[in-house]
N, C-alpha and C. Protein backbone atom coordinates (compact mmCIF):
# COMPACT_ATOMS: atom_id res chain seq x y z
N UNK A 1 0.82 29.48 11.74
CA UNK A 1 -0.55 29.81 11.47
C UNK A 1 -1.12 28.75 10.53
N UNK A 2 -2.25 28.22 10.84
CA UNK A 2 -2.92 27.24 9.98
C UNK A 2 -3.58 27.95 8.80
N UNK A 3 -3.50 27.34 7.63
CA UNK A 3 -4.14 27.92 6.44
C UNK A 3 -5.65 28.09 6.63
N UNK A 4 -6.25 27.21 7.41
CA UNK A 4 -7.70 27.27 7.61
C UNK A 4 -8.14 28.57 8.30
N UNK A 5 -7.22 29.26 8.98
CA UNK A 5 -7.57 30.53 9.62
C UNK A 5 -7.92 31.62 8.61
N UNK A 6 -7.47 31.47 7.36
CA UNK A 6 -7.76 32.48 6.35
C UNK A 6 -9.26 32.67 6.14
N UNK A 7 -10.04 31.64 6.46
CA UNK A 7 -11.49 31.74 6.29
C UNK A 7 -12.12 32.72 7.28
N UNK A 8 -11.48 32.94 8.43
CA UNK A 8 -12.08 33.78 9.46
C UNK A 8 -11.32 35.07 9.73
N UNK A 9 -10.07 35.19 9.24
CA UNK A 9 -9.29 36.39 9.49
C UNK A 9 -9.72 37.55 8.60
N UNK A 10 -9.68 38.75 9.16
CA UNK A 10 -9.92 39.96 8.38
C UNK A 10 -9.01 41.06 8.93
N UNK A 11 -8.92 42.14 8.21
CA UNK A 11 -8.11 43.27 8.63
C UNK A 11 -8.68 43.83 9.93
N UNK A 12 -7.85 44.02 10.96
CA UNK A 12 -8.35 44.54 12.23
C UNK A 12 -8.74 46.02 12.16
N UNK A 13 -8.30 46.72 11.13
CA UNK A 13 -8.61 48.14 11.01
C UNK A 13 -9.91 48.36 10.25
N UNK A 14 -10.01 47.78 9.04
CA UNK A 14 -11.17 48.06 8.18
C UNK A 14 -12.09 46.86 7.99
N UNK A 15 -11.71 45.71 8.52
CA UNK A 15 -12.46 44.45 8.39
C UNK A 15 -12.47 43.92 6.95
N UNK A 16 -11.54 44.39 6.13
CA UNK A 16 -11.42 43.93 4.75
C UNK A 16 -10.75 42.57 4.66
N UNK A 17 -10.76 42.02 3.45
CA UNK A 17 -10.13 40.72 3.19
C UNK A 17 -8.62 40.85 3.22
N UNK A 18 -7.96 39.77 3.65
CA UNK A 18 -6.51 39.71 3.69
C UNK A 18 -6.00 38.72 2.65
N UNK A 19 -4.87 39.06 2.04
CA UNK A 19 -4.20 38.19 1.08
C UNK A 19 -2.97 37.60 1.75
N UNK A 20 -2.78 36.30 1.59
CA UNK A 20 -1.69 35.58 2.23
C UNK A 20 -0.47 35.50 1.31
N UNK A 21 0.72 35.81 1.86
CA UNK A 21 1.99 35.56 1.18
C UNK A 21 2.81 34.65 2.07
N UNK A 22 3.21 33.51 1.55
CA UNK A 22 3.95 32.51 2.32
C UNK A 22 5.42 32.54 1.93
N UNK A 23 6.29 32.69 2.92
CA UNK A 23 7.74 32.61 2.70
C UNK A 23 8.29 31.27 3.15
N UNK A 24 7.71 30.68 4.20
CA UNK A 24 8.16 29.38 4.71
C UNK A 24 6.99 28.68 5.38
N UNK A 25 6.89 27.37 5.12
CA UNK A 25 5.85 26.57 5.79
C UNK A 25 6.32 25.14 5.93
N UNK A 26 5.73 24.43 6.86
CA UNK A 26 5.98 23.00 6.98
C UNK A 26 4.68 22.28 6.64
N UNK A 27 4.60 21.00 6.93
CA UNK A 27 3.42 20.23 6.55
C UNK A 27 2.17 20.61 7.35
N UNK A 28 2.34 21.32 8.45
CA UNK A 28 1.21 21.66 9.31
C UNK A 28 0.77 23.11 9.25
N UNK A 29 1.74 24.04 9.10
CA UNK A 29 1.37 25.45 9.20
C UNK A 29 2.32 26.37 8.45
N UNK A 30 1.89 27.61 8.30
CA UNK A 30 2.70 28.67 7.70
C UNK A 30 3.59 29.23 8.81
N UNK A 31 4.89 29.23 8.56
CA UNK A 31 5.84 29.68 9.58
C UNK A 31 6.25 31.13 9.41
N UNK A 32 6.44 31.56 8.18
CA UNK A 32 6.88 32.93 7.88
C UNK A 32 6.11 33.44 6.67
N UNK A 33 5.81 34.72 6.67
CA UNK A 33 5.11 35.34 5.55
C UNK A 33 4.42 36.60 6.00
N UNK A 34 3.32 36.94 5.32
CA UNK A 34 2.57 38.12 5.71
C UNK A 34 1.14 38.03 5.22
N UNK A 35 0.31 38.84 5.84
CA UNK A 35 -1.08 39.02 5.44
C UNK A 35 -1.20 40.46 4.98
N UNK A 36 -1.79 40.68 3.81
CA UNK A 36 -1.88 42.02 3.23
C UNK A 36 -3.33 42.45 3.08
N UNK A 37 -3.64 43.65 3.54
CA UNK A 37 -4.95 44.24 3.33
C UNK A 37 -4.84 45.21 2.16
N UNK A 38 -5.53 44.91 1.08
CA UNK A 38 -5.50 45.77 -0.09
C UNK A 38 -6.21 47.09 0.13
N UNK A 39 -7.24 47.10 0.96
CA UNK A 39 -7.99 48.32 1.22
C UNK A 39 -7.16 49.33 2.01
N UNK A 40 -6.45 48.87 3.02
CA UNK A 40 -5.62 49.75 3.87
C UNK A 40 -4.19 49.85 3.35
N UNK A 41 -3.80 48.93 2.47
CA UNK A 41 -2.43 48.81 1.97
C UNK A 41 -1.45 48.62 3.13
N UNK A 42 -1.80 47.67 4.03
CA UNK A 42 -0.99 47.37 5.21
C UNK A 42 -0.63 45.89 5.21
N UNK A 43 0.61 45.59 5.59
CA UNK A 43 1.06 44.21 5.73
C UNK A 43 1.14 43.85 7.21
N UNK A 44 0.66 42.66 7.53
CA UNK A 44 0.74 42.11 8.88
C UNK A 44 1.66 40.90 8.82
N UNK A 45 2.81 40.95 9.52
CA UNK A 45 3.79 39.86 9.42
C UNK A 45 3.35 38.58 10.13
N UNK A 46 3.81 37.46 9.58
CA UNK A 46 3.68 36.15 10.23
C UNK A 46 5.10 35.72 10.57
N UNK A 47 5.38 35.56 11.85
CA UNK A 47 6.72 35.19 12.31
C UNK A 47 6.61 34.03 13.29
N UNK A 48 7.36 32.98 13.03
CA UNK A 48 7.32 31.82 13.91
C UNK A 48 5.94 31.18 13.98
N UNK A 49 5.17 31.31 12.90
CA UNK A 49 3.84 30.73 12.85
C UNK A 49 2.75 31.57 13.50
N UNK A 50 3.10 32.77 13.97
CA UNK A 50 2.14 33.63 14.67
C UNK A 50 1.91 34.91 13.87
N UNK A 51 0.67 35.16 13.45
CA UNK A 51 0.39 36.43 12.75
C UNK A 51 0.29 37.59 13.74
N UNK A 52 0.92 38.70 13.41
CA UNK A 52 0.85 39.90 14.24
C UNK A 52 -0.23 40.80 13.63
N UNK A 53 -1.43 40.75 14.18
CA UNK A 53 -2.54 41.51 13.64
C UNK A 53 -2.80 42.81 14.41
N UNK A 54 -1.79 43.30 15.11
CA UNK A 54 -1.92 44.60 15.74
C UNK A 54 -1.91 45.68 14.66
N UNK A 55 -2.76 46.70 14.79
CA UNK A 55 -2.72 47.80 13.82
C UNK A 55 -1.33 48.43 13.80
N UNK A 56 -0.90 48.94 12.65
CA UNK A 56 0.46 49.47 12.52
C UNK A 56 0.83 50.52 13.56
N UNK A 57 -0.11 51.36 13.97
CA UNK A 57 0.20 52.41 14.93
C UNK A 57 0.52 51.87 16.33
N UNK A 58 0.11 50.64 16.62
CA UNK A 58 0.32 50.09 17.96
C UNK A 58 1.43 49.04 18.03
N UNK A 59 2.08 48.78 16.91
CA UNK A 59 3.15 47.75 16.91
C UNK A 59 4.38 48.20 17.59
C-alpha cells in the first residue's frame, strides 16, 4: 500500500479517519501493518501490501 493512499482512505463503516501502523515497509510501499478506526475501534490489516478494508462482519 502506498503511503499517499492515506489521504483518500476512510473507514468503510463510519467514514471516519484511519490511523496507520506500519510493521514492515520497503522503499516503495507499506507491506505489513494495519489501519485503525478510532471511532469504530476496528483494525483493518495490511498484508502483502494490500489493505483489507472489508467490514469485520464480512471478513
